[in-house]
């Protein structure tokens, strides 16, 4: 057990850019993990639906985008396993490292194994590893700041900058390799990127001090066997679903959406009923429910960059720039550029405003409303099927994605660490990622309704629904703030 004196000494150790030194390490490992994740994800859909002659697997487009959405949802669903592993077995710090190792093995599988065998093994390993790394890296960052520290939102925004540097660079590299050498070279680059992330994590591991090294609720032998039985039941149900035809590649995104929804409700119920959660903590968990819903709606639009907008990029965007044609997968790198440019502005703004900044529920509301309005901007270039939309127009529209993302996503990470019950700190972060997973899986479901001939109806309906949800959150924001029990 780490003493309070030790923790206090670590918080007063030399700072980096006005923040704890551990931020630099977590910034780096998340950057490289996102490099590998988004680098692979931006070419995954094309690999699934391009013809065999083009190096792909020849699946129908709706099936391919559904798989991408389901996979993304599964990544965030697996964060609960990563959170559980940290809380019960390894602690957050070691879970981050081993999660990165599993991610790297997944990308190696995609690079070396052919066909659906490589897709299946690779995506399962990446999803499990990314789930372990993501939930715990964010939670570990939260432990570096005291409760009420006004630098917290700024620190998470800088952390988010690392995510977006990786998200920007990954698609650039893998897209070029895919178009010049083939898909498997792109997947290989993702594996190398994760290896760089693990190397820097080991080298600078000391920056984290003693944070995240304890296991809050060690696993008993009885709990181990109960957990093993539950995992066996889940795996058996999945196998039975495929064997009976109830679960297919075509309905994978719908099934994943339903599974995450059930898991989310179950997890909220467990925390609200747990005797290890105090009365104040229970009220804070209830405050998190509308924020969870708002986040899911936001991500159901945003993650369409890798489903609907990936197809849109391939079929509708003119990628010719000064006589040279860029890869369609570069659409995944456009929005992160805007986030990289704006992240320091938002970090400085939140730090400078301090307690005068909008409340967290209002930030969520603005984020959802802004995401809906950004989708409505596609109406300005909708209407004519064919590869006719100039890339600069889409660059501007995706710039409108960045502002609501910065209003909501890093703030969601920050507030989750503050609302989390002590007994469920890492697992609460996993629940926050469930909202991302739910939205990601929904992006695969919604992709089935996209048709280039009916873009006005699609972008208009989805955008207006999101704006409506954001307005509702804005109206009830004072009530949510009251339930947050002192968290701004």
Protein backbone atom coordinates (compact mmCIF):
# COMPACT_ATOMS: atom_id res chain seq x y z
CA UNK A 1 0.00 0.00 0.00
CA UNK A 2 1.35 3.44 -0.96
CA UNK A 3 1.41 5.93 1.89
CA UNK A 4 -0.16 9.37 1.72
CA UNK A 5 3.32 10.90 2.24
CA UNK A 6 4.65 9.06 -0.82
CA UNK A 7 1.69 10.14 -2.96
CA UNK A 8 2.09 13.74 -1.83
CA UNK A 9 5.81 13.69 -2.63
CA UNK A 10 5.11 12.39 -6.12
CA UNK A 11 2.59 15.17 -6.76
CA UNK A 12 5.15 17.79 -5.79
CA UNK A 13 7.91 16.25 -8.00
CA UNK A 14 9.26 18.23 -11.00
CA UNK A 15 6.50 19.11 -13.45
CA UNK A 16 6.42 18.87 -17.25
CA UNK A 17 4.65 21.79 -18.95
CA UNK A 18 2.96 22.53 -15.62
CA UNK A 19 1.67 18.95 -15.29
CA UNK A 20 2.84 15.76 -13.53
CA UNK A 21 5.73 14.02 -15.39
CA UNK A 22 3.69 10.83 -15.81
CA UNK A 23 1.53 12.69 -18.34
CA UNK A 24 4.44 12.56 -20.81
CA UNK A 25 4.64 8.75 -20.62
CA UNK A 26 0.91 8.21 -20.97
CA UNK A 27 0.79 10.78 -23.77
CA UNK A 28 3.38 8.72 -25.69
CA UNK A 29 1.90 5.26 -25.22
CA UNK A 30 -1.57 6.48 -26.16
CA UNK A 31 -0.16 8.27 -29.23
CA UNK A 32 1.40 5.08 -30.60
CA UNK A 33 -1.55 2.90 -29.68
CA UNK A 34 -3.87 5.25 -31.56
CA UNK A 35 -1.38 5.34 -34.48
CA UNK A 36 -1.73 1.58 -34.79
CA UNK A 37 -5.46 1.51 -34.09
CA UNK A 38 -6.58 4.20 -36.52
CA UNK A 39 -3.94 3.29 -39.08
CA UNK A 40 -5.44 -0.19 -39.26
CA UNK A 41 -9.06 0.93 -38.93
CA UNK A 42 -8.98 3.35 -41.88
CA UNK A 43 -7.96 0.59 -44.30
CA UNK A 44 -9.92 -2.24 -42.67
CA UNK A 45 -13.23 -1.49 -44.42
CA UNK A 46 -11.54 -1.32 -47.79
CA UNK A 47 -9.73 -4.60 -47.10
CA UNK A 48 -13.06 -6.24 -46.37
CA UNK A 49 -15.04 -4.99 -49.39
CA UNK A 50 -12.41 -4.48 -52.10
CA UNK A 51 -12.34 -7.32 -54.62
CA UNK A 52 -9.81 -10.13 -54.37
CA UNK A 53 -8.09 -8.69 -57.42
CA UNK A 54 -7.60 -5.42 -55.53
CA UNK A 55 -6.11 -7.24 -52.53
CA UNK A 56 -9.34 -7.37 -50.50
CA UNK A 57 -11.77 -10.07 -49.39
CA UNK A 58 -14.74 -9.12 -51.61
CA UNK A 59 -17.45 -8.79 -48.93
CA UNK A 60 -20.58 -6.64 -49.54
CA UNK A 61 -20.07 -2.99 -48.51
CA UNK A 62 -22.84 -3.00 -45.91
CA UNK A 63 -21.37 -6.14 -44.36
CA UNK A 64 -17.89 -4.60 -44.36
CA UNK A 65 -18.97 -1.36 -42.68
CA UNK A 66 -21.06 -3.34 -40.22
CA UNK A 67 -18.01 -5.40 -39.25
CA UNK A 68 -15.96 -2.21 -38.79
CA UNK A 69 -18.65 -0.78 -36.51
CA UNK A 70 -19.03 -4.04 -34.58
CA UNK A 71 -15.27 -4.36 -34.15
CA UNK A 72 -15.02 -0.79 -32.86
CA UNK A 73 -17.84 -1.51 -30.43
CA UNK A 74 -16.12 -4.69 -29.26
CA UNK A 75 -12.91 -2.73 -28.58
CA UNK A 76 -14.73 -0.48 -26.13
CA UNK A 77 -16.81 -3.35 -24.74
CA UNK A 78 -13.56 -5.11 -23.83
CA UNK A 79 -12.55 -2.15 -21.68
CA UNK A 80 -14.65 -3.70 -18.93
CA UNK A 81 -12.34 -6.71 -18.99
CA UNK A 82 -9.35 -4.36 -18.92
CA UNK A 83 -10.82 -2.45 -16.00
CA UNK A 84 -11.64 -5.66 -14.16
CA UNK A 85 -8.11 -6.97 -14.73
CA UNK A 86 -6.65 -3.78 -13.28
CA UNK A 87 -8.98 -3.70 -10.28
CA UNK A 88 -8.74 -7.40 -9.45
CA UNK A 89 -5.47 -8.83 -10.84
CA UNK A 90 -2.66 -6.58 -12.15
CA UNK A 91 -3.30 -2.95 -11.23
CA UNK A 92 -3.69 -0.20 -13.80
CA UNK A 93 -0.01 0.36 -14.62
CA UNK A 94 0.84 -3.24 -15.56
CA UNK A 95 -2.45 -3.73 -17.39
CA UNK A 96 -1.54 -0.83 -19.69
CA UNK A 97 1.74 -2.53 -20.60
CA UNK A 98 0.36 -6.03 -21.19
CA UNK A 99 -2.57 -4.60 -23.14
CA UNK A 100 -0.09 -2.98 -25.52
CA UNK A 101 1.68 -6.31 -26.02
CA UNK A 102 -1.60 -8.00 -27.00
CA UNK A 103 -2.43 -5.13 -29.40
CA UNK A 104 0.93 -5.58 -31.14
CA UNK A 105 0.32 -9.32 -31.52
CA UNK A 106 -3.06 -8.58 -33.11
CA UNK A 107 -1.56 -6.29 -35.73
CA UNK A 108 1.13 -8.89 -36.48
CA UNK A 109 -1.65 -11.44 -37.05
CA UNK A 110 -3.41 -9.13 -39.51
CA UNK A 111 -0.14 -8.54 -41.33
CA UNK A 112 0.89 -12.19 -41.63
CA UNK A 113 -2.27 -14.33 -41.67
CA UNK A 114 -4.32 -14.34 -44.91
CA UNK A 115 -8.08 -13.99 -45.37
CA UNK A 116 -10.74 -14.11 -42.68
CA UNK A 117 -8.44 -16.11 -40.39
CA UNK A 118 -6.14 -13.12 -40.07
CA UNK A 119 -9.10 -10.76 -39.67
CA UNK A 120 -10.66 -12.86 -36.91
CA UNK A 121 -7.50 -13.51 -34.88
CA UNK A 122 -6.13 -10.02 -35.42
CA UNK A 123 -9.28 -8.08 -34.55
CA UNK A 124 -10.01 -10.16 -31.43
CA UNK A 125 -6.48 -9.63 -30.09
CA UNK A 126 -6.45 -5.92 -30.91
CA UNK A 127 -9.86 -5.43 -29.33
CA UNK A 128 -8.85 -7.20 -26.10
CA UNK A 129 -5.50 -5.41 -25.87
CA UNK A 130 -6.87 -1.98 -26.74
CA UNK A 131 -9.64 -2.43 -24.18
CA UNK A 132 -7.08 -3.14 -21.48
CA UNK A 133 -4.85 -0.23 -22.47
CA UNK A 134 -7.47 2.45 -23.09
CA UNK A 135 -9.49 2.19 -19.91
CA UNK A 136 -6.44 2.07 -17.69
CA UNK A 137 -4.29 4.72 -19.39
CA UNK A 138 -7.07 7.25 -18.88
CA UNK A 139 -7.75 6.15 -15.30
CA UNK A 140 -4.04 6.17 -14.52
CA UNK A 141 -3.80 9.73 -15.77
CA UNK A 142 -6.62 10.70 -13.42
CA UNK A 143 -4.63 9.45 -10.41
CA UNK A 144 -1.87 11.98 -11.16
CA UNK A 145 -4.15 14.88 -10.14
CA UNK A 146 -5.75 15.65 -6.80
CA UNK A 147 -9.53 16.04 -6.63
CA UNK A 148 -10.48 19.57 -7.63
CA UNK A 149 -7.14 20.26 -9.35
CA UNK A 150 -7.97 22.93 -11.99
CA UNK A 151 -5.24 21.50 -14.27
CA UNK A 152 -7.16 18.24 -14.71
CA UNK A 153 -9.21 19.21 -17.80
CA UNK A 154 -6.14 20.80 -19.35
CA UNK A 155 -4.10 17.65 -18.69
CA UNK A 156 -6.71 15.43 -20.28
CA UNK A 157 -6.89 17.77 -23.27
CA UNK A 158 -3.12 17.48 -23.75
CA UNK A 159 -3.47 13.70 -23.39
CA UNK A 160 -6.11 13.91 -26.08
CA UNK A 161 -3.64 15.78 -28.26
CA UNK A 162 -1.42 12.69 -28.18
CA UNK A 163 -4.36 10.54 -29.25
CA UNK A 164 -4.95 12.77 -32.25
CA UNK A 165 -1.31 12.97 -33.30
CA UNK A 166 -1.41 9.18 -33.53
CA UNK A 167 -4.80 9.25 -35.26
CA UNK A 168 -3.39 11.72 -37.81
CA UNK A 169 -0.14 9.89 -38.58
CA UNK A 170 -1.51 6.34 -38.63
CA UNK A 171 -3.84 6.63 -41.65
CA UNK A 172 -1.21 8.59 -43.61
CA UNK A 173 1.38 5.82 -43.29
CA UNK A 174 -0.91 2.81 -43.63
CA UNK A 175 -2.84 4.41 -46.50
CA UNK A 176 0.30 4.99 -48.53
CA UNK A 177 1.58 1.49 -47.84
CA UNK A 178 -1.80 -0.05 -48.71
CA UNK A 179 -2.07 1.73 -52.06
CA UNK A 180 1.60 1.24 -53.00
CA UNK A 181 2.46 -2.20 -51.58
CA UNK A 182 -0.73 -3.83 -50.30
CA UNK A 183 -2.97 -4.10 -47.26
CA UNK A 184 -0.70 -6.38 -45.24
CA UNK A 185 2.14 -3.85 -45.34
CA UNK A 186 -0.24 -1.28 -43.86
CA UNK A 187 -1.19 -3.70 -41.08
CA UNK A 188 2.52 -4.37 -40.47
CA UNK A 189 3.18 -0.65 -40.01
CA UNK A 190 0.50 -0.60 -37.31
CA UNK A 191 2.35 -3.39 -35.48
CA UNK A 192 5.63 -1.46 -35.64
CA UNK A 193 3.91 1.66 -34.29
CA UNK A 194 2.63 -0.24 -31.24
CA UNK A 195 6.14 -1.63 -30.69
CA UNK A 196 7.47 1.95 -30.53
CA UNK A 197 4.78 2.80 -27.98
CA UNK A 198 5.73 -0.13 -25.74
CA UNK A 199 9.42 0.75 -25.94
CA UNK A 200 8.92 4.35 -24.80
CA UNK A 201 6.54 3.19 -22.07
CA UNK A 202 9.22 0.91 -20.61
CA UNK A 203 11.95 3.55 -20.88
CA UNK A 204 9.91 6.25 -19.10
CA UNK A 205 7.95 3.98 -16.76
CA UNK A 206 9.60 5.57 -13.72
CA UNK A 207 7.74 8.84 -14.41
CA UNK A 208 4.57 7.20 -13.10
CA UNK A 209 6.10 6.55 -9.70
CA UNK A 210 3.84 4.35 -7.56
CA UNK A 211 0.62 5.40 -9.30
CA UNK A 212 -1.56 2.53 -10.50
CA UNK A 213 0.63 -0.24 -9.07
CA UNK A 214 -1.77 -1.41 -6.36
CA UNK A 215 -4.65 -3.84 -6.93
CA UNK A 216 -7.70 -2.22 -5.28
CA UNK A 217 -9.78 -5.39 -4.87
CA UNK A 218 -7.63 -8.53 -5.27
CA UNK A 219 -9.29 -11.55 -6.84
CA UNK A 220 -10.19 -14.42 -4.54
CA UNK A 221 -10.13 -18.04 -5.72
CA UNK A 222 -13.92 -18.18 -5.59
CA UNK A 223 -14.25 -15.05 -7.71
CA UNK A 224 -11.75 -16.46 -10.21
CA UNK A 225 -13.87 -19.53 -10.90
CA UNK A 226 -17.06 -17.51 -11.08
CA UNK A 227 -15.43 -15.21 -13.64
CA UNK A 228 -14.06 -18.13 -15.64
CA UNK A 229 -17.53 -19.69 -15.76
CA UNK A 230 -19.06 -16.41 -16.96
CA UNK A 231 -16.44 -16.06 -19.73
CA UNK A 232 -17.10 -19.67 -20.81
CA UNK A 233 -20.84 -19.00 -21.00
CA UNK A 234 -20.32 -15.86 -23.10
CA UNK A 235 -17.94 -17.60 -25.52
CA UNK A 236 -20.32 -20.55 -25.77
CA UNK A 237 -23.24 -18.24 -26.55
CA UNK A 238 -21.25 -16.51 -29.31
CA UNK A 239 -20.23 -19.84 -30.83
CA UNK A 240 -23.82 -21.10 -30.67
CA UNK A 241 -25.04 -17.90 -32.33
CA UNK A 242 -22.76 -18.38 -35.32
CA UNK A 243 -23.47 -22.12 -35.48
CA UNK A 244 -27.24 -21.64 -35.59
CA UNK A 245 -27.15 -18.67 -38.00
CA UNK A 246 -28.65 -16.24 -35.47
CA UNK A 247 -25.36 -14.34 -35.52
CA UNK A 248 -23.86 -13.55 -38.93
CA UNK A 249 -21.36 -11.11 -40.38
CA UNK A 250 -24.32 -9.17 -41.77
CA UNK A 251 -25.97 -8.51 -38.39
CA UNK A 252 -22.81 -8.30 -36.29
CA UNK A 253 -23.12 -4.55 -35.66
CA UNK A 254 -26.73 -4.91 -34.47
CA UNK A 255 -25.80 -7.77 -32.15
CA UNK A 256 -22.83 -5.83 -30.77
CA UNK A 257 -25.03 -2.77 -30.17
CA UNK A 258 -27.55 -4.88 -28.23
CA UNK A 259 -24.79 -6.58 -26.22
CA UNK A 260 -23.17 -3.29 -25.20
CA UNK A 261 -26.55 -1.84 -24.26
CA UNK A 262 -27.33 -4.82 -22.00
CA UNK A 263 -23.83 -4.72 -20.51
CA UNK A 264 -24.13 -0.99 -19.81
CA UNK A 265 -27.45 -1.35 -18.01
CA UNK A 266 -26.06 -4.27 -16.02
CA UNK A 267 -22.97 -2.34 -15.02
CA UNK A 268 -24.91 0.70 -13.88
CA UNK A 269 -27.12 -1.63 -11.83
CA UNK A 270 -24.14 -3.36 -10.21
CA UNK A 271 -22.53 -0.07 -9.15
CA UNK A 272 -25.78 1.45 -7.91
CA UNK A 273 -26.49 -1.62 -5.75
CA UNK A 274 -22.98 -2.41 -4.55
CA UNK A 275 -22.47 -2.08 -0.77
CA UNK A 276 -18.93 -0.85 -1.53
CA UNK A 277 -20.40 2.31 -3.11
CA UNK A 278 -21.25 5.11 -0.68
CA UNK A 279 -24.43 7.17 -0.82
CA UNK A 280 -22.63 10.18 -2.33
CA UNK A 281 -20.90 7.98 -4.90
CA UNK A 282 -24.24 6.40 -5.83
CA UNK A 283 -25.74 9.82 -6.58
CA UNK A 284 -22.75 10.66 -8.76
CA UNK A 285 -23.20 7.41 -10.72
CA UNK A 286 -26.81 8.42 -11.40
CA UNK A 287 -25.56 11.78 -12.68
CA UNK A 288 -23.38 9.92 -15.13
CA UNK A 289 -26.35 8.22 -16.88
CA UNK A 290 -27.52 11.20 -19.03
CA UNK A 291 -23.88 12.00 -19.84
CA UNK A 292 -23.47 8.39 -20.97
CA UNK A 293 -26.46 8.70 -23.31
CA UNK A 294 -25.23 12.01 -24.74
CA UNK A 295 -21.80 10.50 -25.34
CA UNK A 296 -23.27 7.49 -27.17
CA UNK A 297 -25.23 9.77 -29.50
CA UNK A 298 -22.16 11.87 -30.19
CA UNK A 299 -20.01 8.86 -31.08
CA UNK A 300 -22.68 7.27 -33.25
CA UNK A 301 -22.12 10.23 -35.58
CA UNK A 302 -18.41 10.79 -35.11
CA UNK A 303 -17.38 7.17 -35.69
CA UNK A 304 -19.05 7.20 -39.08
CA UNK A 305 -15.71 8.56 -40.29
CA UNK A 306 -14.75 4.86 -40.47
CA UNK A 307 -18.04 3.48 -41.83
CA UNK A 308 -20.28 5.81 -43.85
CA UNK A 309 -17.65 8.45 -44.54
CA UNK A 310 -15.07 5.81 -45.50
CA UNK A 311 -17.38 4.70 -48.31
CA UNK A 312 -18.19 8.36 -49.03
CA UNK A 313 -14.47 9.06 -49.34
CA UNK A 314 -13.95 6.13 -51.68
CA UNK A 315 -16.89 6.96 -53.96
CA UNK A 316 -17.70 10.66 -53.66
CA UNK A 317 -14.52 12.62 -52.88
CA UNK A 318 -12.12 13.82 -55.53
CA UNK A 319 -8.75 13.14 -53.90
CA UNK A 320 -6.67 14.64 -56.71
CA UNK A 321 -4.32 17.27 -55.26
CA UNK A 322 -2.03 19.15 -57.71
CA UNK A 323 -2.25 16.25 -60.15
CA UNK A 324 -1.55 13.57 -57.51
CA UNK A 325 -4.27 11.29 -56.14
CA UNK A 326 -4.13 10.68 -52.40
CA UNK A 327 -5.46 7.46 -50.80
CA UNK A 328 -9.15 7.55 -49.88
CA UNK A 329 -8.23 6.28 -46.40
CA UNK A 330 -6.63 9.67 -45.67
CA UNK A 331 -10.08 10.88 -44.64
CA UNK A 332 -9.14 9.41 -41.26
CA UNK A 333 -6.28 11.90 -40.92
CA UNK A 334 -8.19 15.10 -41.71
CA UNK A 335 -10.15 15.60 -38.50
CA UNK A 336 -7.19 14.87 -36.19
CA UNK A 337 -5.28 17.73 -37.84
CA UNK A 338 -7.95 20.14 -36.64
CA UNK A 339 -7.86 18.61 -33.14
CA UNK A 340 -4.07 18.92 -33.03
CA UNK A 341 -4.33 22.61 -33.95
CA UNK A 342 -7.16 23.33 -31.52
CA UNK A 343 -6.18 21.13 -28.53
CA UNK A 344 -3.63 23.62 -27.09
CA UNK A 345 -6.22 26.38 -27.45
CA UNK A 346 -8.84 24.37 -25.56
CA UNK A 347 -6.33 23.21 -22.93
CA UNK A 348 -5.28 26.81 -22.26
CA UNK A 349 -8.89 27.98 -22.32
CA UNK A 350 -10.11 25.43 -19.74
CA UNK A 351 -7.07 26.05 -17.52
CA UNK A 352 -7.50 29.83 -17.70
CA UNK A 353 -11.25 29.76 -17.12
CA UNK A 354 -10.94 27.30 -14.25
CA UNK A 355 -14.23 27.23 -12.36
CA UNK A 356 -15.71 29.92 -14.64
CA UNK A 357 -15.86 27.43 -17.53
CA UNK A 358 -19.22 25.93 -18.55
CA UNK A 359 -20.28 23.02 -16.38
CA UNK A 360 -19.53 19.51 -17.59
CA UNK A 361 -23.17 18.77 -18.58
CA UNK A 362 -23.24 21.99 -20.63
CA UNK A 363 -20.00 20.97 -22.36
CA UNK A 364 -21.61 17.64 -23.23
CA UNK A 365 -24.68 19.43 -24.59
CA UNK A 366 -22.61 21.73 -26.76
CA UNK A 367 -20.63 18.76 -28.04
CA UNK A 368 -23.71 16.80 -29.15
CA UNK A 369 -25.37 19.85 -30.69
CA UNK A 370 -22.15 20.75 -32.52
CA UNK A 371 -21.78 17.20 -33.86
CA UNK A 372 -25.31 17.30 -35.24
CA UNK A 373 -24.68 20.67 -36.90
CA UNK A 374 -21.44 19.33 -38.41
CA UNK A 375 -23.38 16.47 -40.00
CA UNK A 376 -25.87 18.95 -41.42
CA UNK A 377 -22.97 20.64 -43.22
CA UNK A 378 -22.79 17.62 -45.54
CA UNK A 379 -26.07 18.88 -47.01
CA UNK A 380 -24.08 21.65 -48.69
CA UNK A 381 -22.25 19.08 -50.87
CA UNK A 382 -24.95 16.39 -51.08
CA UNK A 383 -27.11 15.43 -53.97
CA UNK A 384 -25.02 14.29 -56.92
CA UNK A 385 -23.83 10.65 -56.84
CA UNK A 386 -20.34 10.12 -58.19
CA UNK A 387 -16.81 11.08 -57.25
CA UNK A 388 -17.46 14.82 -57.42
CA UNK A 389 -16.99 16.37 -53.96
CA UNK A 390 -13.76 18.43 -53.69
CA UNK A 391 -11.54 17.29 -50.85
CA UNK A 392 -11.14 20.84 -49.49
CA UNK A 393 -14.89 21.01 -48.82
CA UNK A 394 -14.69 17.85 -46.73
CA UNK A 395 -11.60 19.21 -44.94
CA UNK A 396 -13.68 22.20 -43.85
CA UNK A 397 -16.63 20.05 -42.76
CA UNK A 398 -14.41 17.73 -40.72
CA UNK A 399 -12.97 20.82 -39.07
CA UNK A 400 -16.47 21.30 -37.68
CA UNK A 401 -16.20 17.79 -36.17
CA UNK A 402 -13.15 18.81 -34.12
CA UNK A 403 -14.75 21.55 -32.01
CA UNK A 404 -17.57 19.38 -30.57
CA UNK A 405 -15.11 16.54 -30.08
CA UNK A 406 -12.91 18.75 -27.92
CA UNK A 407 -15.99 19.98 -26.05
CA UNK A 408 -16.99 16.44 -25.11
CA UNK A 409 -14.41 13.67 -25.46
CA UNK A 410 -11.48 14.75 -23.24
CA UNK A 411 -13.94 16.25 -20.75
CA UNK A 412 -15.73 12.88 -20.59
CA UNK A 413 -12.46 11.20 -19.63
CA UNK A 414 -11.83 13.79 -16.96
CA UNK A 415 -15.28 13.77 -15.37
CA UNK A 416 -15.40 9.96 -15.30
CA UNK A 417 -12.34 9.86 -13.06
CA UNK A 418 -14.08 12.31 -10.73
CA UNK A 419 -17.47 10.59 -10.60
CA UNK A 420 -16.06 7.05 -10.26
CA UNK A 421 -16.66 5.22 -6.96
CA UNK A 422 -13.37 4.30 -5.27
CA UNK A 423 -14.11 0.58 -5.51
CA UNK A 424 -14.85 0.80 -9.26
CA UNK A 425 -12.39 3.42 -10.47
CA UNK A 426 -10.91 1.58 -13.46
CA UNK A 427 -14.17 -0.17 -14.24
CA UNK A 428 -16.04 3.16 -14.23
CA UNK A 429 -13.70 4.30 -16.98
CA UNK A 430 -14.55 1.10 -18.83
CA UNK A 431 -18.22 2.02 -18.51
CA UNK A 432 -17.46 5.44 -19.98
CA UNK A 433 -15.89 3.68 -22.95
CA UNK A 434 -19.06 1.61 -23.27
CA UNK A 435 -20.76 4.80 -24.44
CA UNK A 436 -18.08 5.14 -27.13
CA UNK A 437 -18.52 1.46 -28.01
CA UNK A 438 -22.28 1.82 -28.19
CA UNK A 439 -21.93 4.78 -30.54
CA UNK A 440 -19.29 3.00 -32.62
CA UNK A 441 -21.43 -0.09 -33.05
CA UNK A 442 -24.37 2.17 -33.93
CA UNK A 443 -22.25 3.78 -36.65
CA UNK A 444 -22.15 0.35 -38.26
CA UNK A 445 -25.90 -0.06 -37.89
CA UNK A 446 -26.58 3.39 -39.37
CA UNK A 447 -24.25 2.71 -42.29
CA UNK A 448 -26.80 0.27 -43.66
CA UNK A 449 -29.14 3.19 -44.34
CA UNK A 450 -26.64 5.35 -46.20
CA UNK A 451 -27.24 5.66 -49.94
CA UNK A 452 -25.38 8.18 -52.12
CA UNK A 453 -28.65 8.81 -53.97
CA UNK A 454 -30.41 9.87 -50.75
CA UNK A 455 -27.73 11.83 -48.91
CA UNK A 456 -29.99 14.75 -48.04
CA UNK A 457 -32.37 12.48 -46.13
CA UNK A 458 -29.57 10.59 -44.41
CA UNK A 459 -27.35 13.46 -43.26
CA UNK A 460 -30.34 15.68 -42.50
CA UNK A 461 -32.16 13.14 -40.33
CA UNK A 462 -29.10 12.00 -38.39
CA UNK A 463 -27.90 15.57 -37.82
CA UNK A 464 -31.27 16.86 -36.60
CA UNK A 465 -31.76 13.96 -34.18
CA UNK A 466 -28.36 14.68 -32.61
CA UNK A 467 -29.15 18.39 -32.27
CA UNK A 468 -32.42 17.47 -30.54
CA UNK A 469 -30.66 15.21 -28.04
CA UNK A 470 -28.11 17.94 -27.30
CA UNK A 471 -30.84 20.49 -26.61
CA UNK A 472 -32.47 18.11 -24.12
CA UNK A 473 -29.14 17.66 -22.29
CA UNK A 474 -28.67 21.44 -22.19
CA UNK A 475 -32.11 21.90 -20.62
CA UNK A 476 -31.55 19.32 -17.86
CA UNK A 477 -27.90 20.31 -17.29
CA UNK A 478 -28.58 22.10 -13.96
CA UNK A 479 -30.25 18.98 -12.58
CA UNK A 480 -27.31 16.81 -13.69
CA UNK A 481 -24.87 19.24 -12.05
CA UNK A 482 -26.80 19.01 -8.79
CA UNK A 483 -26.49 15.22 -8.81
CA UNK A 484 -22.74 15.42 -9.42
CA UNK A 485 -22.26 16.42 -5.76
CA UNK A 486 -19.60 19.11 -6.06
CA UNK A 487 -17.94 17.96 -9.29
CA UNK A 488 -17.90 20.95 -11.68
